[in-house]
């Protein structure tokens, strides 16, 4: 993950950035990947795959420790 081109060190990410394994291959699940301070204002948020078969369905950013809503309550955000 990178914010404004500055990559969060892999060592600081959940599981040191190694999110893909046999157990997650066929399952969609929420994972807390990283915690970061993001300055106010418009930012460039980038997801960089380090391995093949990496898939992202949704990204959820939060200012708190809350979890994303269940699928039935999910609301699409505005696209720019």
Protein backbone atom coordinates (compact mmCIF):
# COMPACT_ATOMS: atom_id res chain seq x y z
CA UNK A 1 0.00 0.00 0.00
CA UNK A 2 1.28 3.45 -0.84
CA UNK A 3 -0.04 6.91 0.02
CA UNK A 4 1.09 9.69 -2.29
CA UNK A 5 3.73 7.33 -3.69
CA UNK A 6 5.22 6.62 -0.27
CA UNK A 7 4.96 2.89 0.34
CA UNK A 8 4.17 1.56 3.81
CA UNK A 9 7.07 -0.77 4.67
CA UNK A 10 6.13 -4.41 4.24
CA UNK A 11 7.41 -5.17 7.75
CA UNK A 12 4.74 -2.83 9.19
CA UNK A 13 1.82 -4.49 7.37
CA UNK A 14 -0.33 -7.30 8.70
CA UNK A 15 1.52 -10.62 8.18
CA UNK A 16 4.42 -8.53 6.82
CA UNK A 17 2.43 -8.05 3.61
CA UNK A 18 2.10 -11.77 2.88
CA UNK A 19 -1.67 -11.95 2.63
CA UNK A 20 -2.07 -14.67 0.03
CA UNK A 21 -1.87 -18.30 1.10
CA UNK A 22 -3.70 -21.55 0.46
CA UNK A 23 -6.25 -20.77 3.19
CA UNK A 24 -7.24 -17.46 1.59
CA UNK A 25 -7.18 -18.61 -2.06
CA UNK A 26 -10.91 -19.34 -2.35
CA UNK A 27 -12.26 -17.08 0.39
CA UNK A 28 -13.22 -13.42 0.38
CA UNK A 29 -12.57 -11.87 3.74
CA UNK A 30 -11.79 -8.54 5.33
CA UNK A 31 -8.23 -8.04 6.50
CA UNK A 32 -6.69 -5.15 8.33
CA UNK A 33 -3.67 -4.66 6.13
CA UNK A 34 -2.05 -1.61 7.68
CA UNK A 35 -2.54 1.29 10.04
CA UNK A 36 -1.39 4.67 8.73
CA UNK A 37 -1.73 8.35 9.50
CA UNK A 38 -3.12 9.99 6.37
CA UNK A 39 -2.87 13.79 6.28
CA UNK A 40 -6.00 15.79 5.46
CA UNK A 41 -6.64 16.67 1.84
CA UNK A 42 -6.75 14.80 -1.43
CA UNK A 43 -4.38 11.82 -1.47
CA UNK A 44 -3.33 9.13 -3.93
CA UNK A 45 -4.00 5.69 -2.43
CA UNK A 46 -2.29 2.83 -4.28
CA UNK A 47 -2.50 -0.92 -3.84
CA UNK A 48 0.48 -2.78 -5.26
CA UNK A 49 0.33 -6.55 -5.68
CA UNK A 50 3.57 -8.26 -4.77
CA UNK A 51 2.37 -11.65 -6.06
CA UNK A 52 0.06 -13.07 -8.66
CA UNK A 53 -3.56 -14.03 -7.88
CA UNK A 54 -3.99 -11.02 -5.59
CA UNK A 55 -7.56 -9.75 -5.86
CA UNK A 56 -9.24 -6.78 -4.26
CA UNK A 57 -13.01 -6.45 -4.23
CA UNK A 58 -13.38 -3.50 -1.87
CA UNK A 59 -11.26 -1.10 0.13
CA UNK A 60 -12.52 0.30 3.41
CA UNK A 61 -10.78 3.22 5.09
CA UNK A 62 -11.77 4.22 8.60
CA UNK A 63 -10.73 6.77 11.20
CA UNK A 64 -11.69 4.33 13.96
CA UNK A 65 -11.31 0.62 14.67
CA UNK A 66 -14.76 -0.14 13.28
CA UNK A 67 -15.19 -2.98 10.80
CA UNK A 68 -16.85 -2.51 7.39
CA UNK A 69 -20.60 -3.06 7.08
CA UNK A 70 -21.95 -6.42 5.98
CA UNK A 71 -22.60 -6.78 2.25
CA UNK A 72 -26.34 -6.10 2.57
CA UNK A 73 -25.60 -2.67 4.12
CA UNK A 74 -22.66 -1.75 1.86
CA UNK A 75 -23.02 1.58 0.04
CA UNK A 76 -20.88 2.43 -2.95
CA UNK A 77 -18.85 5.60 -2.51
CA UNK A 78 -18.83 8.43 -5.01
CA UNK A 79 -16.46 7.93 -7.88
CA UNK A 80 -14.47 10.86 -9.20
